Amino acid sequence: MNIWRRIGAIILALILIAGSVFVIYAFLHTYPLPRRNYIPTSDPPRQETSECNSSTFIRGDQDLDNENESDHDPEPSATVPVSQAEELKTGESRSEITSTQIGAQYEAIIDQLLMSLATKRLPEQQGPPVLERYGSLGHSPVLVLPSDQTSVKQIKEVIHESLLAGETSIKLDDVIKEFEFTDIHTGTTTVNRWLSELKLADPRLFFIDALSFVDESGETQRGFTYQYSYENTATGIRFTRFTLESGLKESYADPVNRENAYVQLSAVADQIAAAIAAATDNDYARLRLIHDFLIVIADYDETETIANNNAYSCLLDGTTMCVGYSQAFDMIARRLGFESRVISGKTRSRDGLEVMHAWNKVLLYDHWYNVDVTWDDQAGLPTFSESHHTWFLCSDTFFAHDHTPNETMQPDAPLDFLDFYYLNGLCATNEEQLLAILVEQLREPVDGAPPLIEFIVEFDLKKETFAQLAEQAYHYSFMLSGVKWSYHLHYGRGFCYYSLT
């Protein structure tokens, strides 16, 4: 009898031990212990990779599917709850929603965006926040004209004041006659560019429209037109008469309608700025929140309708293009006390094609930086909808790879702002460090969701090696099966994004 009792006790003990082992195993797979210097003992199977400036998707052990980098991401950002984001993307204009409803929605979105920074160290500078240093909420000049050339400034002021007054025929005779150009083509295109830059830089000019005209080849074009007469000089030509012509959107022919629309636009920008100011007093975080917030609430206009390319369409209609993103960023940044600019220029794709584009420059901690919200709302991620920060607070050198500004009278941006990456251990100087960053971040995701992992590399990282590291991190982080991931690298700035399928 004692023998059977002993056998039963042994069996029971074995069952308890097996159960304990199973519980521990399950716990470690669910809450793996962080291993900062973890190095795998074997390499996973090698995969083919796409170009290093494009994004690649992997599902399990399938072959890579190459996706071309585009100018925008058609999907809304997933960094906020769908319920909150979708309320602002139902096609209903913000102007038709009450101020209280908008404010509550904006605060909820900003709170959710802040959660992604909850476990991060934020760069900061000694002293009060920028809002207290430079001005009060809602009071910032909407446009600052360059002053290094008096004659140019006078011409721009006349154009600007005439546009604001809704004039469609702008006479420049009195201010342009003292200005010399090398030839007629240079003169007409320069003045035309000044008009375009003013329209781009001032969100109050959303009602300005292009004119339809037939060019010399008989093709119908849209743009601004001009009439002029000139005289020759010893070094070029001088205009004796010059008239610019533009159009007005039909619904804004009445100045009262224009004023009411801008009041609505300003009110929305004020609410966003106030919500961000209330959420954090960290200057870096405020700029990042503006950037991420615009990506959440606005979709890129796939139809590329010119009427949607302004701050009004971005903040009130939720559909826009590069100018809309840039103007909206500028409006909110100025309301938070930052000095900001809208930059016009061209961008180059990987196949060498050039397209017109707009982005921002903003002053942070006494240095100017480039910001391209439009490009951070994309990067070849049609399956993923997470925003990233590849083109956030960058130097002129970094932007020069694919951005060329039109205007030369802009502040220099000699530095990349990388403090956030250094403070949070997201800078890798070799392959082992990058793998450790990916594994650690995958094991400590925000709210248990597979994260977007952003980093910088300070070594020569080949695209094939990057693909292997992205896959190794997945295998060695004890993540669940059925995970899709993407990786992207652009001149030392990169990210990996892992999403449950």
Protein backbone atom coordinates (compact mmCIF):
# COMPACT_ATOMS: atom_id res chain seq x y z
CA MET A 1 0.00 0.00 0.00
CA ASN A 2 2.84 2.35 0.89
CA ILE A 3 4.45 1.61 -2.48
CA TRP A 4 1.34 2.73 -4.38
CA ARG A 5 1.11 5.87 -2.29
CA ARG A 6 4.74 6.66 -3.07
CA ILE A 7 4.15 6.04 -6.78
CA GLY A 8 1.09 8.30 -6.70
CA ALA A 9 3.04 11.01 -4.90
CA ILE A 10 5.83 10.79 -7.47
CA ILE A 11 3.35 11.04 -10.35
CA LEU A 12 1.65 14.03 -8.72
CA ALA A 13 5.02 15.72 -8.19
CA LEU A 14 5.94 15.17 -11.83
CA ILE A 15 2.63 16.68 -12.94
CA LEU A 16 3.21 19.73 -10.74
CA ILE A 17 6.76 20.16 -12.04
CA ALA A 18 5.60 19.86 -15.65
CA GLY A 19 2.87 22.40 -15.02
CA SER A 20 5.31 24.83 -13.43
CA VAL A 21 7.71 24.51 -16.35
CA PHE A 22 4.86 25.20 -18.78
CA VAL A 23 3.76 28.30 -16.84
CA ILE A 24 7.33 29.65 -16.72
CA TYR A 25 7.78 28.96 -20.44
CA ALA A 26 4.55 30.76 -21.31
CA PHE A 27 5.45 33.69 -19.06
CA LEU A 28 8.87 34.16 -20.65
CA HIS A 29 7.37 34.11 -24.12
CA THR A 30 4.78 36.67 -23.11
CA TYR A 31 7.08 38.86 -20.96
CA PRO A 32 10.63 38.10 -22.13
CA LEU A 33 13.44 39.44 -20.01
CA PRO A 34 15.37 42.24 -21.69
CA ARG A 35 18.81 41.29 -22.93
CA ARG A 36 20.63 44.43 -24.01
CA ASN A 37 23.70 42.73 -25.39
CA TYR A 38 22.00 39.70 -26.90
CA ILE A 39 23.86 38.30 -29.89
CA PRO A 40 22.33 35.40 -31.86
CA THR A 41 24.34 32.20 -32.18
CA SER A 42 23.22 31.46 -35.72
CA ASP A 43 22.02 33.40 -38.73
CA PRO A 44 18.55 32.89 -40.23
CA PRO A 45 18.22 32.01 -43.92
CA ARG A 46 19.36 34.82 -46.19
CA GLN A 47 16.64 36.75 -48.03
CA GLU A 48 16.68 38.93 -51.13
CA THR A 49 16.31 42.64 -50.41
CA SER A 50 15.04 45.73 -52.14
CA GLU A 51 16.91 49.00 -52.64
CA CYS A 52 18.05 50.51 -49.36
CA ASN A 53 15.91 53.63 -49.84
CA SER A 54 12.74 51.59 -50.36
CA SER A 55 10.65 49.51 -47.98
CA THR A 56 10.31 45.74 -47.95
CA PHE A 57 7.68 43.49 -46.45
CA ILE A 58 8.17 39.97 -45.08
CA ARG A 59 5.54 37.53 -43.88
CA GLY A 60 7.06 34.60 -42.01
CA ASP A 61 9.71 32.98 -44.21
CA GLN A 62 8.20 34.05 -47.53
CA ASP A 63 10.25 35.85 -50.16
CA LEU A 64 10.43 39.63 -50.00
CA ASP A 65 7.85 41.67 -51.88
CA ASN A 66 9.37 44.88 -53.23
CA GLU A 67 7.36 48.08 -52.91
CA ASN A 68 8.32 51.35 -54.58
CA GLU A 69 8.71 54.45 -52.47
CA SER A 70 5.93 56.95 -53.10
CA ASP A 71 5.38 60.59 -52.26
CA HIS A 72 2.74 59.84 -49.65
CA ASP A 73 0.99 57.12 -47.69
CA PRO A 74 -2.70 56.75 -48.57
CA GLU A 75 -3.48 55.17 -45.21
CA PRO A 76 -4.20 57.31 -42.11
CA SER A 77 -1.76 57.04 -39.25
CA ALA A 78 -2.43 54.23 -36.78
CA THR A 79 -0.85 55.99 -33.83
CA VAL A 80 -4.28 57.01 -32.53
CA PRO A 81 -7.35 54.87 -31.77
CA VAL A 82 -9.31 54.25 -34.96
CA SER A 83 -12.45 55.62 -33.37
CA GLN A 84 -10.82 59.00 -32.77
CA ALA A 85 -9.08 59.26 -36.12
CA GLU A 86 -12.08 58.12 -38.13
CA GLU A 87 -14.31 60.74 -36.53
CA LEU A 88 -12.17 63.33 -38.26
CA LYS A 89 -12.05 61.43 -41.57
CA THR A 90 -15.74 60.84 -42.32
CA GLY A 91 -15.90 63.52 -44.99
CA GLU A 92 -17.64 65.98 -42.66
CA SER A 93 -15.92 69.35 -42.65
CA ARG A 94 -14.37 70.45 -39.36
CA SER A 95 -16.32 73.68 -39.80
CA GLU A 96 -19.56 71.70 -39.42
CA ILE A 97 -18.53 70.24 -36.06
CA THR A 98 -18.84 72.22 -32.86
CA SER A 99 -15.78 73.80 -31.28
CA THR A 100 -16.20 71.66 -28.15
CA GLN A 101 -16.31 68.44 -30.19
CA ILE A 102 -13.18 69.38 -32.13
CA GLY A 103 -11.28 70.32 -28.99
CA ALA A 104 -12.13 67.03 -27.28
CA GLN A 105 -11.12 65.00 -30.33
CA TYR A 106 -7.84 66.88 -30.71
CA GLU A 107 -6.97 66.39 -27.05
CA ALA A 108 -7.68 62.65 -27.31
CA ILE A 109 -5.44 62.31 -30.37
CA ILE A 110 -2.62 64.29 -28.77
CA ASP A 111 -2.86 62.23 -25.57
CA GLN A 112 -2.54 59.05 -27.64
CA LEU A 113 0.44 60.43 -29.54
CA LEU A 114 2.14 61.31 -26.26
CA MET A 115 1.89 57.68 -25.15
CA SER A 116 4.49 56.76 -27.77
CA LEU A 117 6.89 59.09 -25.93
CA ALA A 118 5.91 58.02 -22.42
CA THR A 119 8.91 55.72 -21.95
CA LYS A 120 11.36 57.95 -23.84
CA ARG A 121 13.76 60.62 -22.64
CA LEU A 122 13.05 63.97 -24.28
CA PRO A 123 15.72 66.47 -25.33
CA GLU A 124 15.38 69.79 -23.56
CA GLN A 125 17.16 73.06 -23.08
CA GLN A 126 17.50 75.07 -19.90
CA GLY A 127 15.02 77.90 -19.44
CA PRO A 128 11.31 78.38 -20.05
CA PRO A 129 9.56 76.69 -22.98
CA VAL A 130 9.62 78.38 -26.36
CA LEU A 131 6.08 79.72 -25.97
CA GLU A 132 7.15 81.82 -22.98
CA ARG A 133 10.40 82.89 -24.61
CA TYR A 134 9.09 84.16 -27.93
CA GLY A 135 5.43 85.10 -27.64
CA SER A 136 1.93 84.28 -26.53
CA LEU A 137 -0.41 81.70 -27.99
CA GLY A 138 -2.05 82.83 -31.21
CA HIS A 139 -0.01 86.02 -31.68
CA SER A 140 2.73 85.56 -34.26
CA PRO A 141 3.33 87.33 -37.59
CA VAL A 142 1.91 85.20 -40.36
CA LEU A 143 4.59 86.09 -42.87
CA VAL A 144 8.06 87.59 -42.63
CA LEU A 145 9.42 88.98 -45.90
CA PRO A 146 13.18 88.92 -46.55
CA SER A 147 14.82 92.30 -46.06
CA ASP A 148 18.27 91.85 -47.58
CA GLN A 149 17.15 93.38 -50.90
CA THR A 150 14.99 96.48 -50.49
CA SER A 151 13.65 96.50 -54.06
CA VAL A 152 12.67 92.83 -53.91
CA LYS A 153 10.93 93.37 -50.58
CA GLN A 154 8.92 96.29 -52.01
CA ILE A 155 7.79 94.24 -55.00
CA LYS A 156 6.78 91.33 -52.78
CA GLU A 157 4.89 93.63 -50.42
CA VAL A 158 2.79 95.03 -53.28
CA ILE A 159 2.04 91.54 -54.57
CA HIS A 160 1.22 90.29 -51.09
CA GLU A 161 -1.11 93.15 -50.15
CA SER A 162 -2.90 92.91 -53.49
CA LEU A 163 -3.44 89.17 -53.12
CA LEU A 164 -4.84 89.60 -49.61
CA ALA A 165 -7.26 92.21 -50.97
CA GLY A 166 -8.52 89.71 -53.53
CA GLU A 167 -7.20 91.65 -56.52
CA THR A 168 -6.87 89.54 -59.66
CA SER A 169 -4.87 92.14 -61.61
CA ILE A 170 -1.76 93.39 -59.78
CA LYS A 171 0.12 96.37 -61.22
CA LEU A 172 3.82 96.53 -60.35
CA ASP A 173 4.77 99.50 -62.55
CA ASP A 174 5.91 101.81 -59.74
CA VAL A 175 8.02 99.27 -57.83
CA ILE A 176 9.52 97.16 -60.60
CA LYS A 177 10.88 99.87 -62.91
CA GLU A 178 14.08 100.32 -60.88
CA PHE A 179 14.86 96.59 -60.85
CA GLU A 180 17.07 95.11 -63.59
CA PHE A 181 16.90 91.56 -64.97
CA THR A 182 19.34 89.83 -67.28
CA ASP A 183 16.63 89.09 -69.86
CA ILE A 184 12.84 88.92 -70.31
CA HIS A 185 12.54 85.23 -69.48
CA THR A 186 14.47 85.64 -66.24
CA GLY A 187 12.39 88.65 -65.27
CA THR A 188 8.97 87.12 -65.92
CA THR A 189 9.76 83.80 -64.28
CA THR A 190 11.31 85.53 -61.25
CA VAL A 191 8.25 87.71 -60.63
CA ASN A 192 5.97 84.75 -61.22
CA ARG A 193 7.98 82.74 -58.69
CA TRP A 194 7.67 85.51 -56.11
CA LEU A 195 3.89 85.38 -56.46
CA SER A 196 3.86 81.60 -56.11
CA GLU A 197 6.11 81.71 -53.03
CA LEU A 198 3.91 84.31 -51.33
CA LYS A 199 0.81 82.23 -52.01
CA LEU A 200 2.58 79.19 -50.60
CA ALA A 201 3.89 80.93 -47.48
CA ASP A 202 0.68 82.66 -46.38
CA PRO A 203 -2.26 80.38 -45.42
CA ARG A 204 -4.63 83.35 -45.72
CA LEU A 205 -4.31 83.11 -49.51
CA PHE A 206 -6.15 79.79 -49.82
CA PHE A 207 -8.76 81.48 -52.05
CA ILE A 208 -6.26 82.32 -54.82
CA ASP A 209 -6.71 80.17 -57.92
CA ALA A 210 -4.75 79.67 -61.12
CA LEU A 211 -5.99 80.89 -64.50
CA SER A 212 -6.55 78.72 -67.56
CA PHE A 213 -4.75 79.86 -70.70
CA VAL A 214 -3.53 78.47 -74.02
CA ASP A 215 0.24 78.39 -74.48
CA GLU A 216 2.23 78.93 -77.69
CA SER A 217 1.86 75.27 -78.67
CA GLY A 218 -1.93 75.42 -78.39
CA GLU A 219 -2.07 73.43 -75.15
CA THR A 220 -4.34 74.54 -72.30
CA GLN A 221 -2.37 75.31 -69.17
CA ARG A 222 -3.14 76.63 -65.68
CA GLY A 223 -1.09 79.20 -63.84
CA PHE A 224 -0.52 82.92 -63.30
CA THR A 225 -0.25 85.19 -66.34
CA TYR A 226 1.39 88.58 -66.90
CA GLN A 227 1.52 91.52 -69.30
CA TYR A 228 4.53 93.78 -69.63
CA SER A 229 6.58 96.25 -71.63
CA TYR A 230 10.31 96.77 -71.22
CA GLU A 231 13.40 98.68 -72.28
CA ASN A 232 16.97 97.54 -72.79
CA THR A 233 19.75 98.55 -70.43
CA ALA A 234 23.52 98.20 -70.61
CA THR A 235 23.40 94.92 -68.65
CA GLY A 236 19.95 93.50 -69.43
CA ILE A 237 16.34 94.74 -69.40
CA ARG A 238 14.07 96.85 -67.21
CA PHE A 239 10.29 96.52 -67.13
CA THR A 240 8.45 99.80 -67.66
CA ARG A 241 5.05 98.16 -67.16
CA PHE A 242 4.22 94.87 -65.49
CA THR A 243 0.82 93.41 -64.53
CA LEU A 244 0.34 90.04 -62.82
CA GLU A 245 -2.98 88.25 -63.21
CA SER A 246 -4.38 85.51 -61.00
CA GLY A 247 -7.80 84.04 -60.27
CA LEU A 248 -10.14 83.65 -57.31
CA LYS A 249 -12.03 80.53 -56.33
CA GLU A 250 -15.65 81.20 -57.17
CA SER A 251 -16.97 80.57 -53.66
CA TYR A 252 -14.58 83.19 -52.24
CA ALA A 253 -15.25 86.07 -54.61
CA ASP A 254 -17.09 87.76 -51.73
CA PRO A 255 -14.55 89.15 -49.22
CA VAL A 256 -16.92 88.29 -46.37
CA ASN A 257 -16.72 84.60 -47.32
CA ARG A 258 -12.94 84.82 -47.42
CA GLU A 259 -12.79 86.40 -43.99
CA ASN A 260 -15.21 83.90 -42.44
CA ALA A 261 -13.28 80.96 -43.87
CA TYR A 262 -9.98 82.23 -42.49
CA VAL A 263 -11.59 82.81 -39.08
CA GLN A 264 -12.60 79.13 -39.10
CA LEU A 265 -9.10 78.09 -40.16
CA SER A 266 -7.48 80.22 -37.46
CA ALA A 267 -9.83 78.87 -34.80
CA VAL A 268 -8.89 75.28 -35.61
CA ALA A 269 -5.16 76.12 -35.61
CA ASP A 270 -5.62 77.88 -32.25
CA GLN A 271 -7.33 74.81 -30.75
CA ILE A 272 -4.59 72.46 -31.93
CA ALA A 273 -1.86 74.74 -30.61
CA ALA A 274 -3.65 75.13 -27.27
CA ALA A 275 -4.07 71.36 -26.91
CA ILE A 276 -0.38 70.75 -27.64
CA ALA A 277 0.70 73.53 -25.26
CA ALA A 278 -1.43 71.99 -22.51
CA ALA A 279 -0.07 68.50 -23.16
CA THR A 280 3.66 69.24 -22.78
CA ASP A 281 6.06 72.12 -22.21
CA ASN A 282 8.95 70.34 -23.96
CA ASP A 283 9.88 72.18 -27.16
CA TYR A 284 11.02 69.05 -29.03
CA ALA A 285 7.86 67.18 -28.06
CA ARG A 286 5.68 70.06 -29.23
CA LEU A 287 7.21 70.09 -32.69
CA ARG A 288 6.97 66.31 -32.90
CA LEU A 289 3.30 66.46 -31.87
CA ILE A 290 2.53 68.99 -34.62
CA HIS A 291 4.24 66.71 -37.14
CA ASP A 292 2.47 63.54 -35.99
CA PHE A 293 -0.90 65.21 -35.46
CA LEU A 294 -1.07 66.44 -39.06
CA ILE A 295 -0.26 62.96 -40.33
CA VAL A 296 -3.13 61.59 -38.24
CA ILE A 297 -5.87 64.02 -39.22
CA ALA A 298 -5.07 64.55 -42.91
CA ASP A 299 -4.90 62.23 -45.91
CA TYR A 300 -2.85 62.94 -49.00
CA ASP A 301 -5.13 63.93 -51.89
CA GLU A 302 -4.64 61.17 -54.44
CA THR A 303 -6.52 63.21 -57.06
CA GLU A 304 -3.96 66.00 -56.62
CA THR A 305 -6.62 68.70 -56.85
CA ILE A 306 -4.93 72.10 -56.61
CA ALA A 307 -7.85 73.48 -54.58
CA ASN A 308 -6.94 71.01 -51.80
CA ASN A 309 -3.33 72.14 -51.57
CA ASN A 310 -3.53 74.59 -48.65
CA ALA A 311 -3.86 74.75 -44.87
CA TYR A 312 -7.64 75.11 -45.06
CA SER A 313 -8.05 71.78 -46.84
CA CYS A 314 -5.61 70.14 -44.41
CA LEU A 315 -7.11 71.33 -41.12
CA LEU A 316 -10.79 71.68 -42.05
CA ASP A 317 -11.34 69.11 -44.81
CA GLY A 318 -8.72 66.50 -43.89
CA THR A 319 -7.43 66.12 -47.46
CA THR A 320 -4.38 67.93 -48.77
CA MET A 321 -0.99 67.84 -50.48
CA CYS A 322 2.48 69.10 -49.64
CA VAL A 323 1.60 72.80 -49.43
CA GLY A 324 -1.32 72.03 -47.12
CA TYR A 325 0.85 69.99 -44.75
CA SER A 326 3.54 72.70 -44.77
CA GLN A 327 1.19 75.63 -44.22
CA ALA A 328 -0.63 73.82 -41.41
CA PHE A 329 2.67 72.96 -39.70
CA ASP A 330 3.76 76.59 -40.05
CA MET A 331 0.51 77.98 -38.62
CA ILE A 332 0.55 75.75 -35.54
CA ALA A 333 4.30 76.15 -34.94
CA ARG A 334 4.00 79.94 -35.02
CA ARG A 335 1.12 79.83 -32.56
CA LEU A 336 3.36 77.87 -30.21
CA GLY A 337 6.05 80.53 -30.46
CA PHE A 338 8.39 78.82 -32.93
CA GLU A 339 9.93 80.71 -35.81
CA SER A 340 8.98 78.80 -38.94
CA ARG A 341 9.14 79.00 -42.75
CA VAL A 342 7.41 77.28 -45.65
CA ILE A 343 10.01 76.26 -48.26
CA SER A 344 9.20 75.74 -51.92
CA GLY A 345 11.35 73.68 -54.23
CA LYS A 346 11.70 70.39 -56.04
CA THR A 347 12.26 66.81 -54.96
CA ARG A 348 13.92 63.99 -56.85
CA SER A 349 12.71 60.42 -56.90
CA ARG A 350 15.05 57.43 -57.14
CA ASP A 351 14.54 57.34 -60.90
CA GLY A 352 15.69 60.96 -61.19
CA LEU A 353 12.31 62.60 -61.85
CA GLU A 354 11.79 66.07 -60.35
CA VAL A 355 8.47 67.31 -58.99
CA MET A 356 7.41 70.54 -57.29
CA HIS A 357 7.29 70.24 -53.52
CA ALA A 358 6.98 72.18 -50.26
CA TRP A 359 8.30 71.57 -46.77
CA ASN A 360 9.25 73.56 -43.65
CA LYS A 361 12.16 75.03 -41.76
CA VAL A 362 11.75 75.58 -38.03
CA LEU A 363 13.96 77.05 -35.30
CA LEU A 364 14.60 74.78 -32.30
CA TYR A 365 17.15 75.49 -29.55
CA ASP A 366 18.77 78.28 -31.60
CA HIS A 367 19.27 76.16 -34.73
CA TRP A 368 17.23 75.82 -37.92
CA TYR A 369 16.08 72.39 -39.14
CA ASN A 370 14.16 71.01 -42.12
CA VAL A 371 10.85 69.17 -41.66
CA ASP A 372 8.90 67.35 -44.40
CA VAL A 373 5.57 66.15 -43.00
CA THR A 374 4.39 64.95 -46.42
CA TRP A 375 7.27 62.54 -46.89
CA ASP A 376 7.01 61.25 -43.32
CA ASP A 377 3.39 60.31 -44.09
CA GLN A 378 4.55 57.68 -46.57
CA ALA A 379 7.86 55.91 -47.45
CA GLY A 380 6.41 52.97 -49.34
CA LEU A 381 4.19 51.66 -46.56
CA PRO A 382 0.82 50.94 -48.23
CA THR A 383 0.15 48.14 -45.72
CA PHE A 384 1.28 50.02 -42.62
CA SER A 385 -0.15 53.34 -41.50
CA GLU A 386 2.39 54.42 -38.87
CA SER A 387 4.03 57.82 -39.22
CA HIS A 388 7.79 58.07 -38.92
CA HIS A 389 10.40 60.82 -38.57
CA THR A 390 12.97 60.27 -41.32
CA TRP A 391 12.56 63.85 -42.58
CA PHE A 392 12.00 65.48 -39.17
CA LEU A 393 14.51 68.09 -37.90
CA CYS A 394 17.15 67.45 -40.56
CA SER A 395 20.09 69.40 -41.94
CA ASP A 396 20.36 70.99 -45.37
CA THR A 397 22.96 68.35 -46.22
CA PHE A 398 20.54 65.50 -45.46
CA PHE A 399 17.75 67.15 -47.46
CA ALA A 400 20.10 67.91 -50.38
CA HIS A 401 20.03 64.22 -51.33
CA ASP A 402 16.50 64.69 -52.71
CA HIS A 403 15.25 68.23 -51.91
CA THR A 404 16.27 71.41 -53.79
CA PRO A 405 14.83 74.72 -52.52
CA ASN A 406 13.85 77.47 -54.96
CA GLU A 407 14.45 80.39 -52.62
CA THR A 408 18.07 81.15 -51.72
CA MET A 409 17.20 83.68 -48.98
CA GLN A 410 16.50 81.05 -46.34
CA PRO A 411 18.23 80.37 -43.00
CA ASP A 412 20.95 77.72 -43.07
CA ALA A 413 20.32 74.39 -41.35
CA PRO A 414 23.82 72.94 -40.84
CA LEU A 415 22.90 70.28 -38.24
CA ASP A 416 20.75 67.18 -37.89
CA PHE A 417 18.89 67.11 -34.56
CA LEU A 418 19.76 63.64 -33.26
CA ASP A 419 19.55 64.20 -29.49
CA PHE A 420 16.40 62.09 -29.18
CA TYR A 421 18.18 59.06 -30.66
CA TYR A 422 21.30 59.47 -28.51
CA LEU A 423 19.33 59.98 -25.28
CA ASN A 424 17.29 56.82 -25.86
CA GLY A 425 20.08 54.50 -27.00
CA LEU A 426 18.81 54.43 -30.60
CA CYS A 427 22.17 55.11 -32.25
CA ALA A 428 24.16 52.15 -33.58
CA THR A 429 27.83 52.24 -34.55
CA ASN A 430 27.96 48.59 -35.66
CA GLU A 431 25.71 45.68 -36.63
CA GLU A 432 25.67 44.15 -33.14
CA GLN A 433 24.41 47.39 -31.59
CA LEU A 434 21.66 47.75 -34.19
CA LEU A 435 20.49 44.19 -33.62
CA ALA A 436 20.48 44.76 -29.86
CA ILE A 437 18.38 47.93 -30.36
CA LEU A 438 15.82 46.09 -32.49
CA VAL A 439 15.54 43.13 -30.12
CA GLU A 440 15.25 45.29 -27.01
CA GLN A 441 12.61 47.56 -28.53
CA LEU A 442 10.59 44.57 -29.73
CA ARG A 443 10.61 43.13 -26.22
CA GLU A 444 9.44 46.40 -24.65
CA PRO A 445 6.69 47.65 -26.98
CA VAL A 446 4.34 50.46 -25.98
CA ASP A 447 1.00 49.03 -24.77
CA GLY A 448 2.06 45.55 -25.87
CA ALA A 449 1.75 46.39 -29.57
CA PRO A 450 4.59 45.67 -32.02
CA PRO A 451 6.29 49.04 -32.36
CA LEU A 452 7.73 51.30 -34.96
CA ILE A 453 11.45 51.26 -34.12
CA GLU A 454 13.36 54.32 -35.33
CA PHE A 455 17.13 54.62 -35.13
CA ILE A 456 20.23 56.13 -36.68
CA VAL A 457 23.32 54.26 -37.85
CA GLU A 458 26.84 55.65 -37.86
CA PHE A 459 28.46 52.94 -39.93
CA ASP A 460 28.23 51.65 -43.49
CA LEU A 461 25.10 49.48 -43.36
CA LYS A 462 24.47 47.46 -46.51
CA LYS A 463 20.90 46.79 -47.58
CA GLU A 464 21.42 43.01 -47.46
CA THR A 465 22.77 43.22 -43.92
CA PHE A 466 19.87 45.43 -42.84
CA ALA A 467 17.39 42.86 -44.17
CA GLN A 468 19.10 40.09 -42.20
CA LEU A 469 19.16 42.14 -39.00
CA ALA A 470 15.46 42.98 -39.31
CA GLU A 471 14.66 39.29 -39.65
CA GLN A 472 17.02 38.22 -36.87
CA ALA A 473 15.39 40.68 -34.49
CA TYR A 474 12.02 39.12 -35.24
CA HIS A 475 13.27 35.57 -34.60
CA TYR A 476 15.17 36.40 -31.42
CA SER A 477 12.59 38.60 -29.72
CA PHE A 478 10.06 35.81 -29.01
CA MET A 479 7.34 37.61 -30.97
CA LEU A 480 4.24 35.75 -32.02
CA SER A 481 4.11 34.12 -35.42
CA GLY A 482 2.09 35.79 -38.14
CA VAL A 483 3.99 39.06 -37.99
CA LYS A 484 4.60 41.28 -40.99
CA TRP A 485 7.47 43.73 -40.92
CA SER A 486 8.95 46.47 -43.03
CA TYR A 487 12.35 48.11 -42.95
CA HIS A 488 13.59 51.35 -44.42
CA LEU A 489 16.96 53.11 -44.49
CA HIS A 490 17.70 56.57 -45.85
CA TYR A 491 21.23 57.92 -45.46
CA GLY A 492 21.74 56.78 -41.87
CA ARG A 493 18.16 57.26 -40.66
CA GLY A 494 16.09 54.12 -40.55
CA PHE A 495 13.15 52.30 -39.07
CA CYS A 496 11.65 48.85 -38.73
CA TYR A 497 7.91 48.43 -38.32
CA TYR A 498 6.42 45.17 -37.06
CA SER A 499 2.67 44.51 -37.31
CA LEU A 500 0.56 41.53 -36.29
CA THR A 501 -1.19 40.05 -39.33
